[in-house]
């Protein structure tokens, strides 16, 4: 336990802030303005992709002036920094979205595999499917559709903070940081 705490402190001390909380909040307000206009007089279902999106989703929906419902889907494809080819989904019934306007809320679109698989499972059932991603890695993303709202485009570096983690740690950092080298 003590060794884990020391390792976490060493890692935390070597992080570099790449996006401040102030910049995130400013971009959240811009995205919320667009969502409010697109869904004026509608009540979309906002679906947060767990675990990483929970902070982003909470802050985003508090900026919205429209009525929304909130749900979550658990998507697992990482173990530490290692990405798996298998994506597992938990906590969500895809049959309950029929005829709904859906907004998928993602923390990060890396290769795009996770958001593509979620979108493909919803596109023929829902009335509409839109995607909000806090972060997009355009050099890695292989998408055959557009992300409706992107907070920030970033390089291919591994990042943590504001919900994003390394082995379930660093989600609580106030901003986006890079610099974890193991």
C-alpha atoms as a PDB file:
ATOM      1  CA  UNK A   1       0.000   0.000   0.000  1.00  0.00           C
ATOM      2  CA  UNK A   2       2.746   2.464   0.947  1.00  0.00           C
ATOM      3  CA  UNK A   3       4.664   1.591  -2.213  1.00  0.00           C
ATOM      4  CA  UNK A   4       1.527   2.319  -4.312  1.00  0.00           C
ATOM      5  CA  UNK A   5       1.136   5.698  -2.592  1.00  0.00           C
ATOM      6  CA  UNK A   6       4.770   6.581  -3.266  1.00  0.00           C
ATOM      7  CA  UNK A   7       4.441   5.538  -6.915  1.00  0.00           C
ATOM      8  CA  UNK A   8       1.268   7.613  -7.315  1.00  0.00           C
ATOM      9  CA  UNK A   9       2.985  10.671  -5.822  1.00  0.00           C
ATOM     10  CA  UNK A  10       5.990  10.232  -8.145  1.00  0.00           C
ATOM     11  CA  UNK A  11       3.669   9.961 -11.138  1.00  0.00           C
ATOM     12  CA  UNK A  12       1.587  12.950 -10.033  1.00  0.00           C
ATOM     13  CA  UNK A  13       4.707  15.111  -9.597  1.00  0.00           C
ATOM     14  CA  UNK A  14       5.781  14.370 -13.182  1.00  0.00           C
ATOM     15  CA  UNK A  15       2.526  15.383 -14.840  1.00  0.00           C
ATOM     16  CA  UNK A  16       2.210  18.435 -17.065  1.00  0.00           C
ATOM     17  CA  UNK A  17      -1.093  20.269 -17.392  1.00  0.00           C
ATOM     18  CA  UNK A  18      -2.143  20.447 -21.040  1.00  0.00           C
ATOM     19  CA  UNK A  19      -5.729  21.732 -20.638  1.00  0.00           C
ATOM     20  CA  UNK A  20      -6.814  23.844 -17.680  1.00  0.00           C
ATOM     21  CA  UNK A  21     -10.109  23.576 -15.866  1.00  0.00           C
ATOM     22  CA  UNK A  22     -10.888  27.124 -17.002  1.00  0.00           C
ATOM     23  CA  UNK A  23     -10.454  26.143 -20.659  1.00  0.00           C
ATOM     24  CA  UNK A  24     -12.639  23.073 -20.106  1.00  0.00           C
ATOM     25  CA  UNK A  25     -15.393  25.153 -18.495  1.00  0.00           C
ATOM     26  CA  UNK A  26     -15.315  27.672 -21.333  1.00  0.00           C
ATOM     27  CA  UNK A  27     -15.613  24.915 -23.939  1.00  0.00           C
ATOM     28  CA  UNK A  28     -18.411  23.230 -21.940  1.00  0.00           C
ATOM     29  CA  UNK A  29     -20.456  26.433 -22.113  1.00  0.00           C
ATOM     30  CA  UNK A  30     -19.973  26.594 -25.911  1.00  0.00           C
ATOM     31  CA  UNK A  31     -21.008  22.962 -26.402  1.00  0.00           C
ATOM     32  CA  UNK A  32     -24.015  23.382 -24.091  1.00  0.00           C
ATOM     33  CA  UNK A  33     -25.158  26.423 -26.080  1.00  0.00           C
ATOM     34  CA  UNK A  34     -25.132  24.348 -29.289  1.00  0.00           C
ATOM     35  CA  UNK A  35     -26.922  21.415 -27.644  1.00  0.00           C
ATOM     36  CA  UNK A  36     -29.570  23.741 -26.202  1.00  0.00           C
ATOM     37  CA  UNK A  37     -30.226  25.105 -29.691  1.00  0.00           C
ATOM     38  CA  UNK A  38     -30.286  21.709 -31.433  1.00  0.00           C
ATOM     39  CA  UNK A  39     -32.590  20.095 -28.878  1.00  0.00           C
ATOM     40  CA  UNK A  40     -34.796  23.101 -28.096  1.00  0.00           C
ATOM     41  CA  UNK A  41     -38.232  21.733 -27.045  1.00  0.00           C
ATOM     42  CA  UNK A  42     -36.882  18.152 -26.959  1.00  0.00           C
ATOM     43  CA  UNK A  43     -35.784  15.963 -24.082  1.00  0.00           C
ATOM     44  CA  UNK A  44     -32.772  13.917 -25.179  1.00  0.00           C
ATOM     45  CA  UNK A  45     -31.324  10.983 -23.297  1.00  0.00           C
ATOM     46  CA  UNK A  46     -27.706  11.728 -22.369  1.00  0.00           C
ATOM     47  CA  UNK A  47     -25.723   8.517 -22.056  1.00  0.00           C
ATOM     48  CA  UNK A  48     -22.381   8.781 -20.307  1.00  0.00           C
ATOM     49  CA  UNK A  49     -19.736   6.212 -21.161  1.00  0.00           C
ATOM     50  CA  UNK A  50     -18.319   5.050 -17.834  1.00  0.00           C
ATOM     51  CA  UNK A  51     -16.066   5.421 -16.069  1.00  0.00           C
ATOM     52  CA  UNK A  52     -14.236   8.295 -17.703  1.00  0.00           C
ATOM     53  CA  UNK A  53     -17.125  10.539 -18.740  1.00  0.00           C
ATOM     54  CA  UNK A  54     -18.816  10.967 -15.363  1.00  0.00           C
ATOM     55  CA  UNK A  55     -17.216  14.324 -14.486  1.00  0.00           C
ATOM     56  CA  UNK A  56     -17.597  15.693 -18.020  1.00  0.00           C
ATOM     57  CA  UNK A  57     -21.226  14.558 -18.188  1.00  0.00           C
ATOM     58  CA  UNK A  58     -22.079  16.076 -14.799  1.00  0.00           C
ATOM     59  CA  UNK A  59     -20.548  19.435 -15.687  1.00  0.00           C
ATOM     60  CA  UNK A  60     -22.060  19.449 -19.186  1.00  0.00           C
ATOM     61  CA  UNK A  61     -25.644  18.679 -18.152  1.00  0.00           C
ATOM     62  CA  UNK A  62     -25.483  21.384 -15.465  1.00  0.00           C
ATOM     63  CA  UNK A  63     -24.804  23.845 -18.312  1.00  0.00           C
ATOM     64  CA  UNK A  64     -27.881  22.737 -20.269  1.00  0.00           C
ATOM     65  CA  UNK A  65     -31.154  24.648 -20.186  1.00  0.00           C
ATOM     66  CA  UNK A  66     -33.194  21.879 -21.823  1.00  0.00           C
ATOM     67  CA  UNK A  67     -34.765  18.901 -20.075  1.00  0.00           C
ATOM     68  CA  UNK A  68     -32.591  15.810 -20.308  1.00  0.00           C
ATOM     69  CA  UNK A  69     -32.606  12.314 -18.947  1.00  0.00           C
ATOM     70  CA  UNK A  70     -29.357  10.695 -17.919  1.00  0.00           C
ATOM     71  CA  UNK A  71     -28.184   7.126 -18.191  1.00  0.00           C
ATOM     72  CA  UNK A  72     -24.846   5.361 -18.264  1.00  0.00           C
ATOM     73  CA  UNK A  73     -23.185   2.588 -20.195  1.00  0.00           C
ATOM     74  CA  UNK A  74     -20.039   0.897 -18.963  1.00  0.00           C
ATOM     75  CA  UNK A  75     -17.527   0.278 -21.729  1.00  0.00           C
ATOM     76  CA  UNK A  76     -14.299  -1.503 -20.918  1.00  0.00           C
ATOM     77  CA  UNK A  77     -11.391  -1.764 -23.327  1.00  0.00           C
ATOM     78  CA  UNK A  78      -8.305  -0.700 -21.317  1.00  0.00           C
ATOM     79  CA  UNK A  79      -6.160  -2.258 -18.639  1.00  0.00           C
ATOM     80  CA  UNK A  80      -3.690   0.425 -17.569  1.00  0.00           C
ATOM     81  CA  UNK A  81      -2.305   1.793 -20.836  1.00  0.00           C
ATOM     82  CA  UNK A  82      -2.971  -1.448 -22.736  1.00  0.00           C
ATOM     83  CA  UNK A  83      -5.958  -1.341 -25.083  1.00  0.00           C
ATOM     84  CA  UNK A  84      -7.835  -4.566 -25.695  1.00  0.00           C
ATOM     85  CA  UNK A  85      -9.594  -5.472 -28.945  1.00  0.00           C
ATOM     86  CA  UNK A  86     -12.614  -6.620 -26.956  1.00  0.00           C
ATOM     87  CA  UNK A  87     -15.076  -3.991 -25.764  1.00  0.00           C
ATOM     88  CA  UNK A  88     -17.565  -5.060 -23.118  1.00  0.00           C
ATOM     89  CA  UNK A  89     -20.765  -3.170 -22.302  1.00  0.00           C
ATOM     90  CA  UNK A  90     -22.564  -3.240 -18.940  1.00  0.00           C
ATOM     91  CA  UNK A  91     -25.443  -1.400 -17.224  1.00  0.00           C
ATOM     92  CA  UNK A  92     -27.400  -0.581 -20.366  1.00  0.00           C
ATOM     93  CA  UNK A  93     -30.470  -1.943 -22.143  1.00  0.00           C
ATOM     94  CA  UNK A  94     -30.194  -0.984 -25.819  1.00  0.00           C
ATOM     95  CA  UNK A  95     -33.885  -1.796 -26.339  1.00  0.00           C
ATOM     96  CA  UNK A  96     -34.979   1.182 -24.190  1.00  0.00           C
ATOM     97  CA  UNK A  97     -33.818   3.835 -26.683  1.00  0.00           C
ATOM     98  CA  UNK A  98     -36.369   3.226 -29.426  1.00  0.00           C
ATOM     99  CA  UNK A  99     -37.538   6.537 -30.895  1.00  0.00           C
ATOM    100  CA  UNK A 100     -35.395   8.620 -28.498  1.00  0.00           C
ATOM    101  CA  UNK A 101     -32.940  11.410 -29.262  1.00  0.00           C
ATOM    102  CA  UNK A 102     -29.647  10.152 -27.859  1.00  0.00           C
ATOM    103  CA  UNK A 103     -26.521  12.092 -26.926  1.00  0.00           C
ATOM    104  CA  UNK A 104     -23.552   9.829 -26.221  1.00  0.00           C
ATOM    105  CA  UNK A 105     -21.073  11.547 -23.902  1.00  0.00           C
ATOM    106  CA  UNK A 106     -17.493  10.265 -24.123  1.00  0.00           C
ATOM    107  CA  UNK A 107     -14.408  11.368 -22.251  1.00  0.00           C
ATOM    108  CA  UNK A 108     -11.994  10.594 -25.085  1.00  0.00           C
ATOM    109  CA  UNK A 109     -12.144   9.266 -28.619  1.00  0.00           C
ATOM    110  CA  UNK A 110      -8.842   7.526 -29.207  1.00  0.00           C
ATOM    111  CA  UNK A 111      -9.153   4.985 -32.034  1.00  0.00           C
ATOM    112  CA  UNK A 112     -12.920   5.439 -31.993  1.00  0.00           C
ATOM    113  CA  UNK A 113     -13.670   1.734 -31.551  1.00  0.00           C
ATOM    114  CA  UNK A 114     -15.757   2.157 -28.399  1.00  0.00           C
ATOM    115  CA  UNK A 115     -17.911   5.042 -29.606  1.00  0.00           C
ATOM    116  CA  UNK A 116     -18.347   3.368 -33.006  1.00  0.00           C
ATOM    117  CA  UNK A 117     -19.639   0.157 -31.418  1.00  0.00           C
ATOM    118  CA  UNK A 118     -22.002   2.043 -29.104  1.00  0.00           C
ATOM    119  CA  UNK A 119     -23.281   4.230 -31.955  1.00  0.00           C
ATOM    120  CA  UNK A 120     -23.790   1.217 -34.253  1.00  0.00           C
ATOM    121  CA  UNK A 121     -25.887  -0.525 -31.581  1.00  0.00           C
ATOM    122  CA  UNK A 122     -28.093   2.587 -31.255  1.00  0.00           C
ATOM    123  CA  UNK A 123     -28.344   4.123 -34.714  1.00  0.00           C
ATOM    124  CA  UNK A 124     -31.191   1.948 -36.019  1.00  0.00           C
ATOM    125  CA  UNK A 125     -33.219   2.083 -32.803  1.00  0.00           C
ATOM    126  CA  UNK A 126     -32.999   5.720 -31.785  1.00  0.00           C
ATOM    127  CA  UNK A 127     -34.633   8.709 -33.448  1.00  0.00           C
ATOM    128  CA  UNK A 128     -31.206  10.399 -33.563  1.00  0.00           C
ATOM    129  CA  UNK A 129     -27.745   9.760 -32.167  1.00  0.00           C
ATOM    130  CA  UNK A 130     -25.278  12.573 -31.489  1.00  0.00           C
ATOM    131  CA  UNK A 131     -21.863  12.324 -29.864  1.00  0.00           C
ATOM    132  CA  UNK A 132     -20.024  14.690 -27.539  1.00  0.00           C
ATOM    133  CA  UNK A 133     -16.373  13.938 -26.794  1.00  0.00           C
ATOM    134  CA  UNK A 134     -14.285  15.946 -24.377  1.00  0.00           C
ATOM    135  CA  UNK A 135     -11.111  14.871 -26.180  1.00  0.00           C
ATOM    136  CA  UNK A 136     -10.352  13.590 -29.680  1.00  0.00           C
ATOM    137  CA  UNK A 137      -7.084  12.166 -30.956  1.00  0.00           C
ATOM    138  CA  UNK A 138      -7.526  12.943 -34.676  1.00  0.00           C
ATOM    139  CA  UNK A 139      -4.315  11.145 -35.689  1.00  0.00           C
ATOM    140  CA  UNK A 140      -5.546   7.869 -34.166  1.00  0.00           C
ATOM    141  CA  UNK A 141      -9.316   8.042 -34.660  1.00  0.00           C
ATOM    142  CA  UNK A 142     -10.639   5.870 -37.461  1.00  0.00           C
ATOM    143  CA  UNK A 143     -14.240   6.990 -37.798  1.00  0.00           C
ATOM    144  CA  UNK A 144     -16.668   6.834 -40.710  1.00  0.00           C
ATOM    145  CA  UNK A 145     -18.874   9.516 -39.096  1.00  0.00           C
ATOM    146  CA  UNK A 146     -18.375  12.931 -37.513  1.00  0.00           C
ATOM    147  CA  UNK A 147     -18.286  13.593 -33.800  1.00  0.00           C
ATOM    148  CA  UNK A 148     -20.966  16.246 -33.278  1.00  0.00           C
ATOM    149  CA  UNK A 149     -19.114  18.172 -30.571  1.00  0.00           C
ATOM    150  CA  UNK A 150     -15.438  17.899 -29.649  1.00  0.00           C
ATOM    151  CA  UNK A 151     -14.064  19.717 -26.648  1.00  0.00           C
ATOM    152  CA  UNK A 152     -10.404  19.560 -27.612  1.00  0.00           C
ATOM    153  CA  UNK A 153      -8.202  17.799 -30.139  1.00  0.00           C
ATOM    154  CA  UNK A 154      -5.051  16.412 -28.558  1.00  0.00           C
ATOM    155  CA  UNK A 155      -1.901  14.579 -29.603  1.00  0.00           C
ATOM    156  CA  UNK A 156      -1.469  10.832 -29.219  1.00  0.00           C
ATOM    157  CA  UNK A 157      -0.011  11.196 -25.709  1.00  0.00           C
ATOM    158  CA  UNK A 158      -1.640   9.363 -22.807  1.00  0.00           C
ATOM    159  CA  UNK A 159      -3.627  11.792 -20.629  1.00  0.00           C
ATOM    160  CA  UNK A 160      -5.274  11.731 -17.203  1.00  0.00           C
ATOM    161  CA  UNK A 161      -7.472  13.993 -15.139  1.00  0.00           C
ATOM    162  CA  UNK A 162     -11.020  15.340 -15.276  1.00  0.00           C
ATOM    163  CA  UNK A 163     -12.366  11.784 -15.226  1.00  0.00           C
ATOM    164  CA  UNK A 164      -9.635  10.094 -17.279  1.00  0.00           C
ATOM    165  CA  UNK A 165      -7.478   7.642 -15.385  1.00  0.00           C
ATOM    166  CA  UNK A 166      -4.387   5.534 -15.197  1.00  0.00           C
ATOM    167  CA  UNK A 167      -5.291   2.271 -13.432  1.00  0.00           C
ATOM    168  CA  UNK A 168      -8.308   4.028 -11.840  1.00  0.00           C
ATOM    169  CA  UNK A 169      -6.114   6.816 -10.424  1.00  0.00           C
ATOM    170  CA  UNK A 170      -5.887  10.562 -11.228  1.00  0.00           C
ATOM    171  CA  UNK A 171      -9.554  10.971 -12.288  1.00  0.00           C
ATOM    172  CA  UNK A 172      -9.930  13.753  -9.703  1.00  0.00           C
ATOM    173  CA  UNK A 173      -7.279  16.064 -11.174  1.00  0.00           C
ATOM    174  CA  UNK A 174      -8.716  19.461 -12.095  1.00  0.00           C
ATOM    175  CA  UNK A 175      -7.650  19.632 -15.722  1.00  0.00           C
ATOM    176  CA  UNK A 176      -6.069  17.350 -18.311  1.00  0.00           C
ATOM    177  CA  UNK A 177      -2.474  16.217 -17.738  1.00  0.00           C
ATOM    178  CA  UNK A 178       0.087  14.170 -19.618  1.00  0.00           C
ATOM    179  CA  UNK A 179       3.420  12.703 -18.633  1.00  0.00           C
ATOM    180  CA  UNK A 180       2.744   9.232 -17.252  1.00  0.00           C
ATOM    181  CA  UNK A 181       5.647   7.125 -18.462  1.00  0.00           C
ATOM    182  CA  UNK A 182       5.906   3.605 -17.094  1.00  0.00           C
END
